[in-house]
Amino acid sequence: MPETIAFSGTIVKGVGGLYTIRTSDGTFVLATPRGILRRKKMVPTVGDRVEIEASGDPDVPFIISDVLPRKNLLIRPSISNVDVLILTISTQKPVPYFEMLDKMLILCIKNSIHPVIWITKMDLDSDAGELIRAVYEKAGFDVLCSTETDAVDDKLFQKYFEGNAVGFAGQSGVGKSTLCNMLTGISERKVGTVSERKNSGKHTTRHVELFPIGSGYLIDSPGFTNLDIIETDIEVCDIMNGYPELTAIEEKCQFDDCRHIGELGCKVLDANMDPGRLERYRLIIRQAEDRDNNRTTGREKKHGKQ
């Protein structure tokens, strides 16, 4: 291939400034970024679609010459162009953390990521699992279910990998690593076990990596669980957009800027929203407003305003 001709690929792994790139013909090559990217403060990340050229260096044969426009970019973990996030939650062991689930749904909608809720361990508490399913299907989300004892039917997930980069997010110990092992065929990946004492899981994945699955990719990452959307650029309007149930009352409230947290003339009860979802929505709104108020106070103190 002539050195002057650039061709494209997807970054599937990056460690210490050295990137593994999968080209359109399925070949894996090593590359480092061109210096101009560093000067532009453009840091390539896993998931990026990039242009590469031959470097002339036999140890690192290619150079990343350009990073193509991104669909989205998540900071923690550092990953771009995410298409689907399968948000895992179990009926028991660990206890479901619904606030995190709702925050991840907000993040998905903010970043044009298609969310899919996967309820695991249905055999441990089928009633709780069916209740979770009903709440989130009513809200308009895709919901899948599986048990702890039966093998996961990978056909449930196949349609989401068609040309997409698909990640799994949620609490540790709910079954993400087991499914990743099955989908990738990499049996040596460590599978996390739930701590009986703390009723929580241990992270088992150390870095972000993409594994080809059919025409798409599986995102293997340790960091989605740790993401706190309140520390990101999520705004109040983004939080509202993360609750599709609220679209039913968009024009019913007395005031156009109603946040549905108890304002005069609010019609949020007309949305017939699950009480737990509504309580968590209001909690997250308050957290975002407290964050914004603290930022404003901090800026005023910095500029000497009292």
Protein backbone atom coordinates (compact mmCIF):
# COMPACT_ATOMS: atom_id res chain seq x y z
CA MET A 1 0.00 0.00 0.00
CA PRO A 2 1.57 3.36 -1.00
CA GLU A 3 2.73 5.46 1.92
CA THR A 4 0.94 8.56 0.62
CA ILE A 5 -2.48 6.88 0.66
CA ALA A 6 -4.52 7.10 3.86
CA PHE A 7 -7.09 4.48 4.77
CA SER A 8 -9.54 4.21 7.61
CA GLY A 9 -10.14 1.96 10.59
CA THR A 10 -11.54 1.82 14.11
CA ILE A 11 -9.46 2.04 17.28
CA VAL A 12 -10.16 -1.12 19.27
CA LYS A 13 -7.51 -0.73 21.97
CA GLY A 14 -5.16 1.93 23.27
CA VAL A 15 -2.39 1.48 25.83
CA GLY A 16 0.38 3.97 26.55
CA GLY A 17 -0.08 5.98 23.36
CA LEU A 18 0.02 2.88 21.14
CA TYR A 19 -3.26 2.07 19.38
CA THR A 20 -4.58 -1.13 17.85
CA ILE A 21 -6.73 -0.34 14.82
CA ARG A 22 -9.03 -2.68 12.93
CA THR A 23 -9.25 -1.75 9.27
CA SER A 24 -12.26 -2.19 7.01
CA ASP A 25 -10.93 -5.56 5.75
CA GLY A 26 -10.62 -6.91 9.30
CA THR A 27 -6.84 -6.51 9.61
CA PHE A 28 -5.39 -5.33 12.93
CA VAL A 29 -2.51 -2.83 12.80
CA LEU A 30 -0.52 -0.75 15.32
CA ALA A 31 -0.32 3.03 15.11
CA THR A 32 0.71 6.14 17.03
CA PRO A 33 -0.86 9.60 16.63
CA ARG A 34 0.69 12.16 14.31
CA GLY A 35 2.24 15.07 16.21
CA ILE A 36 -0.26 17.59 14.85
CA LEU A 37 -3.07 15.76 16.69
CA ARG A 38 -1.28 16.28 19.99
CA ARG A 39 -0.76 19.96 19.20
CA LYS A 40 -4.49 20.24 18.48
CA LYS A 41 -5.16 18.47 21.79
CA MET A 42 -7.03 15.81 19.83
CA VAL A 43 -6.48 12.63 21.83
CA PRO A 44 -7.56 9.48 19.96
CA THR A 45 -9.72 7.16 22.02
CA VAL A 46 -11.13 3.67 21.70
CA GLY A 47 -14.09 3.71 19.34
CA ASP A 48 -12.73 6.50 17.17
CA ARG A 49 -12.86 6.08 13.42
CA VAL A 50 -9.51 7.27 12.17
CA GLU A 51 -7.46 7.84 9.04
CA ILE A 52 -4.07 6.12 9.10
CA GLU A 53 -0.97 6.17 6.92
CA ALA A 54 2.14 4.02 6.70
CA SER A 55 4.88 5.34 9.00
CA GLY A 56 7.96 3.62 7.62
CA ASP A 57 8.74 2.35 11.13
CA PRO A 58 8.76 -1.47 11.23
CA ASP A 59 8.01 -1.48 14.98
CA VAL A 60 4.93 0.74 14.68
CA PRO A 61 3.97 0.54 11.00
CA PHE A 62 1.25 3.23 10.91
CA ILE A 63 0.46 6.77 12.00
CA ILE A 64 -2.99 8.13 12.89
CA SER A 65 -3.30 11.15 10.62
CA ASP A 66 -6.85 12.23 11.48
CA VAL A 67 -9.75 11.46 13.82
CA LEU A 68 -13.10 11.43 12.01
CA PRO A 69 -16.14 13.24 13.51
CA ARG A 70 -17.56 11.49 16.56
CA LYS A 71 -21.16 10.58 17.24
CA ASN A 72 -20.49 10.95 20.95
CA LEU A 73 -17.64 10.92 23.46
CA LEU A 74 -17.83 9.62 27.02
CA ILE A 75 -15.09 10.72 29.39
CA ARG A 76 -15.16 8.00 32.05
CA PRO A 77 -14.54 5.55 30.58
CA SER A 78 -12.88 7.19 27.58
CA ILE A 79 -14.86 5.76 24.66
CA SER A 80 -16.42 7.27 21.54
CA ASN A 81 -19.10 6.37 19.01
CA VAL A 82 -21.18 4.24 21.36
CA ASP A 83 -24.39 3.09 19.66
CA VAL A 84 -26.09 0.84 22.24
CA LEU A 85 -25.74 0.46 26.00
CA ILE A 86 -27.25 -2.62 27.63
CA LEU A 87 -27.95 -1.53 31.20
CA THR A 88 -27.86 -4.50 33.53
CA ILE A 89 -29.74 -4.79 36.79
CA SER A 90 -30.43 -7.89 38.86
CA THR A 91 -33.44 -8.80 40.98
CA GLN A 92 -31.10 -9.68 43.87
CA LYS A 93 -27.39 -10.10 44.66
CA PRO A 94 -26.65 -7.24 44.29
CA VAL A 95 -29.70 -5.25 45.38
CA PRO A 96 -31.00 -3.20 42.41
CA TYR A 97 -29.61 0.34 42.27
CA PHE A 98 -32.37 2.18 40.44
CA GLU A 99 -30.88 5.66 40.79
CA MET A 100 -27.84 4.56 38.80
CA LEU A 101 -30.09 2.92 36.19
CA ASP A 102 -32.13 6.08 35.74
CA LYS A 103 -28.98 8.21 35.49
CA MET A 104 -27.57 5.90 32.82
CA LEU A 105 -30.81 6.23 30.85
CA ILE A 106 -30.44 10.02 30.99
CA LEU A 107 -26.86 9.71 29.78
CA CYS A 108 -27.90 7.48 26.88
CA ILE A 109 -30.61 9.81 25.62
CA LYS A 110 -28.31 12.83 26.00
CA ASN A 111 -25.65 11.14 23.84
CA SER A 112 -27.92 9.54 21.20
CA ILE A 113 -27.20 6.06 22.57
CA HIS A 114 -29.94 3.44 22.35
CA PRO A 115 -30.52 2.03 25.87
CA VAL A 116 -31.59 -1.56 26.51
CA ILE A 117 -32.41 -2.71 30.05
CA TRP A 118 -31.33 -6.26 30.87
CA ILE A 119 -32.83 -7.75 34.07
CA THR A 120 -30.75 -10.69 35.30
CA LYS A 121 -31.32 -13.39 37.95
CA MET A 122 -35.05 -13.54 37.37
CA ASP A 123 -35.09 -16.94 39.10
CA LEU A 124 -34.05 -15.33 42.41
CA ASP A 125 -37.09 -13.04 42.57
CA SER A 126 -39.37 -13.29 39.55
CA ASP A 127 -42.00 -10.97 41.07
CA ALA A 128 -39.47 -8.17 41.52
CA GLY A 129 -38.16 -8.78 38.01
CA GLU A 130 -41.60 -8.55 36.44
CA LEU A 131 -42.27 -5.32 38.34
CA ILE A 132 -39.03 -3.80 37.03
CA ARG A 133 -39.91 -4.93 33.53
CA ALA A 134 -43.39 -3.39 33.73
CA VAL A 135 -42.11 -0.03 35.00
CA TYR A 136 -39.49 0.44 32.30
CA GLU A 137 -41.45 -1.03 29.40
CA LYS A 138 -44.27 1.35 30.28
CA ALA A 139 -41.72 4.19 30.19
CA GLY A 140 -40.88 3.17 26.62
CA PHE A 141 -37.58 1.29 26.97
CA ASP A 142 -36.49 -2.08 25.54
CA VAL A 143 -36.30 -4.68 28.34
CA LEU A 144 -34.69 -8.15 28.26
CA CYS A 145 -34.74 -10.77 31.04
CA SER A 146 -32.65 -13.80 31.97
CA THR A 147 -32.14 -16.17 34.90
CA GLU A 148 -29.02 -16.98 36.88
CA THR A 149 -29.11 -20.72 36.29
CA ASP A 150 -30.05 -20.93 32.61
CA ALA A 151 -27.59 -20.13 29.84
CA VAL A 152 -28.14 -16.67 28.40
CA ASP A 153 -29.65 -16.80 24.93
CA ASP A 154 -27.24 -14.71 22.89
CA LYS A 155 -29.89 -14.39 20.17
CA LEU A 156 -31.60 -11.88 22.45
CA PHE A 157 -28.67 -9.55 21.91
CA GLN A 158 -27.67 -10.27 18.30
CA LYS A 159 -29.86 -7.63 16.68
CA TYR A 160 -28.22 -4.89 18.74
CA PHE A 161 -24.77 -5.75 17.34
CA GLU A 162 -25.70 -5.23 13.69
CA GLY A 163 -23.24 -2.51 12.71
CA ASN A 164 -23.19 -1.09 16.26
CA ALA A 165 -20.71 -0.61 19.07
CA VAL A 166 -22.48 -2.14 22.08
CA GLY A 167 -21.49 -1.72 25.72
CA PHE A 168 -22.73 -3.24 28.97
CA ALA A 169 -23.18 -1.02 32.00
CA GLY A 170 -24.50 -1.49 35.51
CA GLN A 171 -23.57 -2.81 38.92
CA SER A 172 -20.79 -5.33 39.26
CA GLY A 173 -21.89 -8.89 39.89
CA VAL A 174 -25.06 -8.81 37.82
CA GLY A 175 -23.74 -11.00 35.00
CA LYS A 176 -22.09 -8.68 32.48
CA SER A 177 -18.74 -10.48 32.39
CA THR A 178 -20.37 -13.89 31.99
CA LEU A 179 -22.20 -12.73 28.88
CA CYS A 180 -19.09 -10.99 27.53
CA ASN A 181 -17.17 -14.26 27.91
CA MET A 182 -19.84 -16.07 25.93
CA LEU A 183 -20.09 -13.47 23.19
CA THR A 184 -16.34 -13.12 22.65
CA GLY A 185 -15.32 -16.71 23.35
CA ILE A 186 -12.53 -15.45 25.60
CA SER A 187 -12.88 -17.82 28.52
CA GLU A 188 -9.83 -16.53 30.36
CA ARG A 189 -11.46 -13.18 31.13
CA LYS A 190 -12.02 -13.05 34.87
CA VAL A 191 -15.65 -13.29 35.86
CA GLY A 192 -16.64 -11.16 38.87
CA THR A 193 -18.27 -12.70 41.90
CA VAL A 194 -20.54 -10.90 44.31
CA SER A 195 -19.26 -10.13 47.77
CA GLU A 196 -21.69 -11.69 50.23
CA ARG A 197 -20.60 -9.31 52.99
CA LYS A 198 -21.14 -6.08 51.05
CA ASN A 199 -23.72 -7.43 48.58
CA SER A 200 -21.83 -5.71 45.79
CA GLY A 201 -19.55 -6.85 43.01
CA LYS A 202 -15.88 -6.39 42.21
CA HIS A 203 -14.71 -4.88 38.93
CA THR A 204 -12.84 -7.39 36.77
CA THR A 205 -11.99 -5.43 33.60
CA ARG A 206 -8.94 -3.13 33.54
CA HIS A 207 -9.07 -1.23 30.25
CA VAL A 208 -11.44 -0.33 27.43
CA GLU A 209 -11.33 -2.64 24.42
CA LEU A 210 -13.57 -3.41 21.42
CA PHE A 211 -14.18 -7.01 20.36
CA PRO A 212 -15.62 -7.64 16.88
CA ILE A 213 -19.03 -9.32 17.07
CA GLY A 214 -20.53 -9.96 13.64
CA SER A 215 -20.77 -6.59 11.92
CA GLY A 216 -20.44 -4.69 15.20
CA TYR A 217 -18.33 -4.45 18.33
CA LEU A 218 -18.65 -5.39 22.00
CA ILE A 219 -17.27 -2.69 24.30
CA ASP A 220 -15.45 -4.25 27.23
CA SER A 221 -14.96 -1.57 29.86
CA PRO A 222 -14.68 -1.27 33.65
CA GLY A 223 -15.82 2.31 33.95
CA PHE A 224 -19.51 2.74 33.08
CA THR A 225 -20.44 1.72 36.62
CA ASN A 226 -18.47 4.61 38.14
CA LEU A 227 -19.91 7.37 35.98
CA ASP A 228 -21.67 10.15 37.92
CA ILE A 229 -23.73 12.19 35.48
CA ILE A 230 -24.02 15.03 38.00
CA GLU A 231 -20.29 15.65 37.50
CA THR A 232 -20.74 15.91 33.72
CA ASP A 233 -22.39 18.52 31.50
CA ILE A 234 -25.86 17.05 32.03
CA GLU A 235 -28.37 19.89 32.34
CA VAL A 236 -31.86 19.99 33.83
CA CYS A 237 -33.41 19.73 30.35
CA ASP A 238 -31.30 16.61 29.68
CA ILE A 239 -32.64 15.03 32.87
CA MET A 240 -36.20 15.75 31.80
CA ASN A 241 -35.53 14.24 28.37
CA GLY A 242 -34.35 11.06 30.12
CA TYR A 243 -37.90 10.45 31.36
CA PRO A 244 -40.09 9.78 28.29
CA GLU A 245 -43.13 9.56 30.54
CA LEU A 246 -42.99 13.34 30.93
CA THR A 247 -43.59 13.96 27.23
CA ALA A 248 -47.27 13.19 27.84
CA ILE A 249 -47.63 16.39 29.89
CA GLU A 250 -45.38 18.73 27.89
CA GLU A 251 -48.19 21.19 27.19
CA LYS A 252 -50.43 20.54 30.19
CA CYS A 253 -48.53 22.33 32.96
CA GLN A 254 -49.42 25.94 33.75
CA PHE A 255 -45.90 27.19 33.01
CA ASP A 256 -43.75 26.26 30.00
CA ASP A 257 -40.60 25.98 32.13
CA CYS A 258 -42.17 23.65 34.70
CA ARG A 259 -39.62 21.16 36.07
CA HIS A 260 -42.28 18.93 37.66
CA ILE A 261 -40.89 19.23 41.18
CA GLY A 262 -43.94 20.78 42.83
CA GLU A 263 -44.49 24.03 40.91
CA LEU A 264 -47.89 25.70 40.78
CA GLY A 265 -50.08 24.18 38.10
CA CYS A 266 -47.82 21.18 37.49
CA LYS A 267 -49.63 18.23 35.91
CA VAL A 268 -46.97 15.59 36.50
CA LEU A 269 -49.51 13.29 38.14
CA ASP A 270 -51.33 13.12 34.79
CA ALA A 271 -48.30 11.27 33.41
CA ASN A 272 -49.21 8.29 35.64
CA MET A 273 -45.49 7.86 36.27
CA ASP A 274 -44.14 5.13 38.53
CA PRO A 275 -43.77 6.70 42.02
CA GLY A 276 -40.20 5.45 42.39
CA ARG A 277 -39.20 6.87 39.00
CA LEU A 278 -40.81 10.21 39.88
CA GLU A 279 -39.03 10.36 43.26
CA ARG A 280 -35.67 9.59 41.65
CA TYR A 281 -36.31 12.14 38.88
CA ARG A 282 -36.88 14.86 41.47
CA LEU A 283 -33.80 13.77 43.42
CA ILE A 284 -31.59 13.97 40.32
CA ILE A 285 -33.05 17.39 39.42
CA ARG A 286 -32.18 18.66 42.91
CA GLN A 287 -28.66 17.23 42.64
CA ALA A 288 -28.11 19.03 39.33
CA GLU A 289 -29.47 22.30 40.71
CA ASP A 290 -27.26 22.04 43.81
CA ARG A 291 -24.28 21.43 41.51
CA ASP A 292 -25.12 24.51 39.43
CA ASN A 293 -25.62 26.66 42.53
CA ASN A 294 -22.28 25.54 43.96
CA ARG A 295 -20.56 26.36 40.67
CA THR A 296 -22.12 29.83 40.64
CA THR A 297 -21.09 30.46 44.23
CA GLY A 298 -17.57 29.28 43.46
CA ARG A 299 -17.25 31.63 40.49
CA GLU A 300 -18.54 34.58 42.54
CA LYS A 301 -16.03 33.91 45.31
CA LYS A 302 -13.24 33.60 42.74
CA HIS A 303 -14.09 37.04 41.34
CA GLY A 304 -14.50 38.62 44.78
CA LYS A 305 -18.29 38.87 44.76
CA GLN A 306 -20.15 38.30 48.02
